[in-house]
Amino acid sequence: MVSVIEADHQIIIINQPLLDLGYCSKSDCDAEKEAVEAPWSRDNSRASNGMKLFTGNSNKLLAADIANQLGMSLGKINVTHFADGEVNVIVNENVRGKDVYIIQPTSPPVNESLMELLLMISTMRRASARKITAIIPYYGYARQDRKMQARVPISAADVARLLEAMGIDRVVAVDLHCGQIQGFFGPRVPVDNLDGGMVGVSYFGDMDLVNPVIVSPDAGGVYRAKQFREALSKKHDVDCGLAMIVKQRAKANEIDKMDLVGSVEGCDAIIVDDMVDTAGTLCTAAALLKEAGARRGFSFCS
C-alpha cells in the first residue's frame, strides 16, 4: 500500500493493493474471492511457455491484479490449515520444469504468512520446479536487521536463511527497510529491491509545493529521503531541502524523544518512510514539524 497522508488528516491512497495488510471488509473479501476464482483455462502465451503464478492467503487481491496485468490465470493451489493451525499446502497442477513465481507478502499475521511462503517454496522445489521466485512486497522482520543490544536476534538475516534453505532462486521485494538485507542472502540468490518511491515522486512533482523539504523520520531513512529529493529534482525540476528527525525510543513502538535537524519554517514538509506500524513516529513527527513552523505537512509511505 502506497499512501500520501496530509497533516490535516486528509488521506489519499495510491495503488492500495500493494503491501495491503490482508484485512478487508465483507464486500472487499467477496471481490477478492471473485477475482481469485477466475477461470483456470484462460489461454495465454506465458503459461504455455512455462511460467506459473501462485499465491497464498496473504494478499490474494494483489496476486489477482498482477495476474490480470500479465494476462494470466493464477495457478491452482490450496493453502489451508489443519484443526491445530498447521499450514497445509497442495499444488493442484504440474510445475515440473516450470518457472514459478510466488506472490506472498509476509504481512500480518506475519508468522502465518511467512510459514505459508516457506512451505509453498518447499512444495514447488520438491515438485521439480525449474526456478522459484518469491515476490515479497512486504518483507517481515525487516526492521530487525542488526544487533542493537546484547542477546537479540538478527531476524531479517534468519528469514533470509530460511528462504534459502527451502530452495528459493530469486527474491523480489519493495523498499526493503534496510538495503543491507540483500546481503543476508548468498550469491546464489539474487535480490531485487524495487523502489516504490517513484510513485510518490510523480505525485508530489505535479503539486504546487512551496519551499519543499524532504524529511527523514529517523537516521536510518536519510538515504531514502535523499534519493527521493534527487528524483524530484531530476524528473520534475523541484528544488528541495533535506531535514532529519532524531528519535530515541523508550522501547519498541514507544518514542521517548524526537529532535529535528534542519529547518522547515514556512516550508511544505514531506516525510518519506517505508514502514508504518502504529504510526506513532509519523504522528509525533508531524506534530514536531508543525511546532517548527512547517507550512504544510505530507507523508509518503511505501
Protein backbone atom coordinates (compact mmCIF):
# COMPACT_ATOMS: atom_id res chain seq x y z
CA MET A 1 0.00 0.00 0.00
CA VAL A 2 1.47 3.33 -1.06
CA SER A 3 -0.19 6.26 0.70
CA VAL A 4 0.13 10.01 0.82
CA ILE A 5 -1.11 11.49 4.10
CA GLU A 6 -1.61 15.21 4.73
CA ALA A 7 -1.10 16.62 8.21
CA ASP A 8 -4.71 17.81 8.47
CA HIS A 9 -5.83 14.15 8.40
CA GLN A 10 -6.83 14.09 4.72
CA ILE A 11 -5.72 10.73 3.35
CA ILE A 12 -5.09 9.86 -0.28
CA ILE A 13 -4.39 6.23 -1.16
CA ILE A 14 -2.31 5.32 -4.21
CA ASN A 15 -2.10 1.75 -5.51
CA GLN A 16 -3.83 0.32 -2.46
CA PRO A 17 -3.36 -3.42 -3.18
CA LEU A 18 0.41 -3.05 -2.84
CA LEU A 19 1.55 -4.05 0.66
CA ASP A 20 -2.06 -4.49 1.77
CA LEU A 21 -2.08 -5.79 5.32
CA GLY A 22 -4.52 -8.55 4.49
CA TYR A 23 -7.62 -7.26 6.26
CA CYS A 24 -10.76 -6.38 4.30
CA SER A 25 -14.48 -5.74 4.70
CA LYS A 26 -17.07 -8.33 3.68
CA SER A 27 -17.62 -6.64 0.31
CA ASP A 28 -13.85 -6.48 -0.29
CA CYS A 29 -13.48 -10.13 0.63
CA ASP A 30 -16.28 -11.04 -1.81
CA ALA A 31 -14.47 -9.08 -4.52
CA GLU A 32 -11.24 -10.87 -3.59
CA LYS A 33 -12.90 -14.26 -3.89
CA GLU A 34 -14.37 -13.36 -7.29
CA ALA A 35 -11.03 -12.05 -8.57
CA VAL A 36 -9.04 -15.06 -7.44
CA GLU A 37 -11.52 -17.68 -8.59
CA ALA A 38 -11.07 -16.72 -12.26
CA PRO A 39 -11.38 -19.46 -14.90
CA TRP A 40 -8.23 -21.54 -14.88
CA SER A 41 -8.49 -22.27 -18.60
CA ARG A 42 -7.64 -18.74 -19.77
CA ASP A 43 -5.40 -19.04 -22.84
CA ASN A 44 -2.13 -17.11 -22.62
CA SER A 45 1.36 -17.39 -24.09
CA ARG A 46 3.24 -17.01 -20.79
CA ALA A 47 1.58 -20.06 -19.22
CA SER A 48 2.26 -22.14 -22.33
CA ASN A 49 5.91 -21.06 -22.20
CA GLY A 50 6.33 -22.50 -18.74
CA MET A 51 5.59 -19.57 -16.40
CA LYS A 52 3.36 -20.23 -13.40
CA LEU A 53 1.96 -17.71 -10.92
CA PHE A 54 0.84 -18.76 -7.42
CA THR A 55 -0.26 -17.06 -4.22
CA GLY A 56 -1.04 -17.95 -0.64
CA ASN A 57 -3.58 -16.28 1.64
CA SER A 58 -1.61 -13.13 2.45
CA ASN A 59 -2.87 -10.88 -0.36
CA LYS A 60 -4.97 -12.61 -2.98
CA LEU A 61 -6.24 -9.32 -4.40
CA LEU A 62 -2.71 -8.21 -5.24
CA ALA A 63 -1.91 -11.57 -6.85
CA ALA A 64 -5.12 -11.50 -8.90
CA ASP A 65 -4.36 -7.96 -10.08
CA ILE A 66 -0.83 -8.94 -11.14
CA ALA A 67 -2.20 -11.97 -12.98
CA ASN A 68 -4.72 -9.78 -14.81
CA GLN A 69 -1.99 -7.32 -15.79
CA LEU A 70 0.04 -10.20 -17.23
CA GLY A 71 -2.97 -11.78 -18.95
CA MET A 72 -2.53 -14.94 -16.91
CA SER A 73 -4.50 -17.08 -14.50
CA LEU A 74 -3.31 -17.87 -11.01
CA GLY A 75 -2.06 -21.42 -10.54
CA LYS A 76 -4.23 -23.98 -8.81
CA ILE A 77 -3.12 -24.28 -5.21
CA ASN A 78 -4.84 -24.91 -1.89
CA VAL A 79 -3.29 -23.30 1.19
CA THR A 80 -5.42 -24.33 4.14
CA HIS A 81 -4.99 -25.18 7.82
CA PHE A 82 -5.44 -28.30 9.88
CA ALA A 83 -7.54 -28.16 13.03
CA ASP A 84 -4.47 -27.42 15.17
CA GLY A 85 -3.45 -24.48 12.97
CA GLU A 86 -0.75 -26.18 10.89
CA VAL A 87 -0.45 -24.96 7.31
CA ASN A 88 -1.38 -27.45 4.59
CA VAL A 89 -0.22 -26.78 1.00
CA ILE A 90 -1.46 -28.75 -2.02
CA VAL A 91 -0.47 -27.77 -5.57
CA ASN A 92 -3.13 -29.00 -7.99
CA GLU A 93 -1.22 -28.73 -11.25
CA ASN A 94 2.07 -29.83 -12.74
CA VAL A 95 5.01 -27.45 -12.15
CA ARG A 96 7.83 -29.75 -13.28
CA GLY A 97 10.35 -27.75 -15.29
CA LYS A 98 8.32 -24.53 -14.91
CA ASP A 99 9.37 -21.04 -13.80
CA VAL A 100 7.28 -20.49 -10.67
CA TYR A 101 6.50 -17.07 -9.18
CA ILE A 102 5.01 -16.99 -5.68
CA ILE A 103 3.32 -13.73 -4.63
CA GLN A 104 3.22 -13.66 -0.85
CA PRO A 105 3.81 -10.57 1.29
CA THR A 106 4.70 -11.58 4.84
CA SER A 107 2.20 -9.09 6.23
CA PRO A 108 0.09 -9.62 9.39
CA PRO A 109 -0.35 -12.25 10.60
CA VAL A 110 3.40 -12.26 9.86
CA ASN A 111 4.31 -15.71 11.17
CA GLU A 112 1.43 -17.40 9.35
CA SER A 113 2.19 -15.62 6.07
CA LEU A 114 5.88 -16.48 6.38
CA MET A 115 5.18 -20.17 7.08
CA GLU A 116 2.84 -20.33 4.07
CA LEU A 117 5.59 -18.86 1.90
CA LEU A 118 8.24 -21.27 3.18
CA LEU A 119 6.04 -24.32 2.64
CA MET A 120 4.96 -23.17 -0.83
CA ILE A 121 8.61 -22.78 -1.84
CA SER A 122 9.45 -26.20 -0.41
CA THR A 123 6.48 -27.77 -2.19
CA MET A 124 7.47 -26.27 -5.54
CA ARG A 125 11.09 -27.40 -5.11
CA ARG A 126 10.02 -30.96 -4.27
CA ALA A 127 7.68 -30.87 -7.28
CA SER A 128 10.72 -30.21 -9.55
CA ALA A 129 10.02 -26.61 -10.50
CA ARG A 130 12.87 -25.27 -12.67
CA LYS A 131 13.13 -21.88 -10.98
CA ILE A 132 11.29 -20.36 -7.99
CA THR A 133 10.97 -16.62 -7.48
CA ALA A 134 9.33 -15.17 -4.38
CA ILE A 135 7.55 -11.81 -4.78
CA ILE A 136 7.60 -10.32 -1.27
CA PRO A 137 6.31 -6.70 -1.31
CA TYR A 138 6.40 -6.62 2.49
CA TYR A 139 9.42 -8.39 3.98
CA GLY A 140 8.53 -9.40 7.54
CA TYR A 141 11.12 -8.99 10.32
CA ALA A 142 12.98 -6.44 8.17
CA ARG A 143 13.43 -3.93 10.98
CA GLN A 144 15.48 -6.43 12.99
CA ASP A 145 18.47 -6.12 10.69
CA ARG A 146 21.26 -5.69 13.26
CA LYS A 147 22.02 -6.19 16.94
CA MET A 148 21.12 -3.03 18.84
CA GLN A 149 21.88 -4.66 22.19
CA ALA A 150 23.17 -7.92 23.57
CA ARG A 151 21.27 -11.21 23.27
CA VAL A 152 18.85 -10.27 20.48
CA PRO A 153 18.41 -11.97 17.08
CA ILE A 154 19.11 -10.55 13.63
CA SER A 155 15.72 -11.74 12.42
CA ALA A 156 15.95 -10.29 8.91
CA ALA A 157 19.00 -12.47 8.28
CA ASP A 158 17.31 -15.52 9.81
CA VAL A 159 14.32 -15.13 7.46
CA ALA A 160 16.74 -14.94 4.52
CA ARG A 161 18.41 -18.18 5.65
CA LEU A 162 15.03 -19.90 5.94
CA LEU A 163 14.06 -18.86 2.40
CA GLU A 164 17.40 -20.11 1.07
CA ALA A 165 17.07 -23.39 2.95
CA MET A 166 13.68 -24.02 1.31
CA GLY A 167 15.26 -23.66 -2.14
CA ILE A 168 14.37 -20.16 -3.35
CA ASP A 169 16.17 -18.99 -6.51
CA ARG A 170 15.34 -15.28 -6.52
CA VAL A 171 13.60 -12.70 -4.31
CA VAL A 172 11.78 -9.56 -5.43
CA ALA A 173 10.97 -7.07 -2.65
CA VAL A 174 9.72 -3.48 -2.47
CA ASP A 175 11.53 -0.83 -0.43
CA LEU A 176 13.34 -3.10 2.00
CA HIS A 177 13.61 -1.45 5.40
CA CYS A 178 17.37 -1.54 5.00
CA GLY A 179 19.29 -2.23 1.81
CA GLN A 180 21.78 -4.46 3.64
CA ILE A 181 19.08 -7.16 3.82
CA GLN A 182 20.02 -8.02 0.23
CA GLY A 183 23.40 -9.11 1.57
CA PHE A 184 21.80 -11.56 4.00
CA PHE A 185 21.14 -13.83 1.02
CA GLY A 186 24.02 -15.76 -0.51
CA PRO A 187 25.33 -15.04 -4.03
CA ARG A 188 23.20 -17.89 -5.38
CA VAL A 189 20.00 -15.95 -4.53
CA PRO A 190 19.87 -12.50 -6.16
CA VAL A 191 17.52 -9.96 -4.57
CA ASP A 192 15.72 -7.21 -6.50
CA ASN A 193 14.77 -4.31 -4.22
CA LEU A 194 12.19 -2.30 -6.18
CA ASP A 195 11.88 1.42 -5.45
CA GLY A 196 8.30 2.35 -4.52
CA GLY A 197 9.32 5.98 -4.15
CA MET A 198 8.77 6.62 -7.85
CA VAL A 199 5.01 6.68 -7.21
CA GLY A 200 5.42 9.47 -4.67
CA VAL A 201 7.84 11.39 -6.88
CA SER A 202 5.24 11.55 -9.65
CA TYR A 203 2.53 12.61 -7.19
CA PHE A 204 4.43 15.40 -5.49
CA GLY A 205 6.06 16.51 -8.74
CA ASP A 206 2.66 17.59 -10.04
CA MET A 207 1.82 19.56 -6.88
CA ASP A 208 2.36 23.28 -6.33
CA LEU A 209 4.81 22.97 -3.42
CA VAL A 210 6.26 25.95 -1.57
CA ASN A 211 9.90 25.59 -0.44
CA PRO A 212 9.58 21.79 -0.14
CA VAL A 213 11.73 19.95 2.38
CA ILE A 214 12.10 16.17 2.39
CA VAL A 215 12.16 14.87 5.96
CA SER A 216 13.57 11.55 7.13
CA PRO A 217 11.76 10.32 10.27
CA ASP A 218 14.95 8.69 11.58
CA ALA A 219 18.68 8.46 10.90
CA GLY A 220 18.31 5.17 9.04
CA GLY A 221 15.99 6.74 6.45
CA VAL A 222 18.28 9.62 5.41
CA TYR A 223 19.49 7.80 2.29
CA ARG A 224 15.89 7.07 1.25
CA ALA A 225 14.92 10.73 1.77
CA LYS A 226 17.98 11.86 -0.19
CA GLN A 227 17.07 9.59 -3.12
CA PHE A 228 13.52 10.96 -3.05
CA ARG A 229 14.81 14.53 -3.13
CA GLU A 230 17.18 13.79 -6.01
CA ALA A 231 14.40 12.10 -8.01
CA LEU A 232 12.11 15.12 -7.55
CA SER A 233 14.89 17.42 -8.67
CA LYS A 234 15.86 15.33 -11.70
CA LYS A 235 12.41 14.40 -13.01
CA HIS A 236 10.37 17.47 -12.08
CA ASP A 237 12.99 20.16 -11.54
CA VAL A 238 11.80 20.68 -7.95
CA ASP A 239 14.43 22.18 -5.64
CA CYS A 240 14.03 20.54 -2.21
CA GLY A 241 15.74 20.87 1.12
CA LEU A 242 16.58 17.97 3.42
CA ALA A 243 15.89 17.53 7.13
CA MET A 244 16.08 14.66 9.59
CA ILE A 245 14.37 13.70 12.82
CA VAL A 246 16.47 12.05 15.51
CA LYS A 247 14.35 9.84 17.71
CA GLN A 248 15.06 7.98 20.91
CA ARG A 249 12.89 5.02 21.83
CA ALA A 250 12.00 4.00 25.35
CA LYS A 251 11.13 0.56 23.94
CA ALA A 252 9.69 -0.95 20.76
CA ASN A 253 6.81 1.15 19.34
CA GLU A 254 7.25 3.76 22.10
CA ILE A 255 9.12 7.01 21.40
CA ASP A 256 10.85 8.80 24.25
CA LYS A 257 12.12 11.92 22.47
CA MET A 258 12.35 13.41 18.97
CA ASP A 259 14.60 16.26 17.75
CA LEU A 260 14.54 18.00 14.37
CA VAL A 261 17.79 18.53 12.49
CA GLY A 262 17.30 21.18 9.78
CA SER A 263 14.83 23.98 9.13
CA VAL A 264 11.23 23.61 7.91
CA GLU A 265 9.87 27.04 8.82
CA GLY A 266 7.49 28.29 6.11
CA CYS A 267 8.08 25.14 4.06
CA ASP A 268 5.99 22.26 2.78
CA ALA A 269 7.44 19.27 4.64
CA ILE A 270 7.25 15.76 3.13
CA ILE A 271 8.01 12.88 5.48
CA VAL A 272 9.32 9.90 3.49
CA ASP A 273 9.20 6.50 5.21
CA ASP A 274 8.97 2.85 4.20
CA MET A 275 7.05 1.25 7.05
CA VAL A 276 4.10 2.31 9.21
CA ASP A 277 3.25 0.07 12.14
CA THR A 278 1.40 2.00 14.86
CA ALA A 279 2.00 5.39 13.12
CA GLY A 280 3.41 6.69 16.40
CA THR A 281 6.55 8.03 14.71
CA LEU A 282 4.52 9.58 11.91
CA CYS A 283 2.10 11.42 14.20
CA THR A 284 4.81 12.64 16.55
CA ALA A 285 6.95 13.79 13.62
CA ALA A 286 4.01 15.71 12.10
CA ALA A 287 3.42 17.49 15.42
CA LEU A 288 7.13 18.32 15.69
CA LEU A 289 7.18 19.77 12.17
CA LYS A 290 4.13 21.88 12.92
CA GLU A 291 5.79 23.26 16.05
CA ALA A 292 8.88 24.07 13.96
CA GLY A 293 6.78 26.26 11.66
CA ALA A 294 6.13 24.00 8.69
CA ARG A 295 3.59 25.49 6.26
CA ARG A 296 2.04 22.14 5.34
CA GLY A 297 2.86 18.55 6.18
CA PHE A 298 2.69 15.49 3.94
CA SER A 299 3.81 11.91 4.32
CA PHE A 300 4.73 9.36 1.67
CA CYS A 301 4.89 5.79 2.98
CA SER A 302 5.63 2.83 0.77
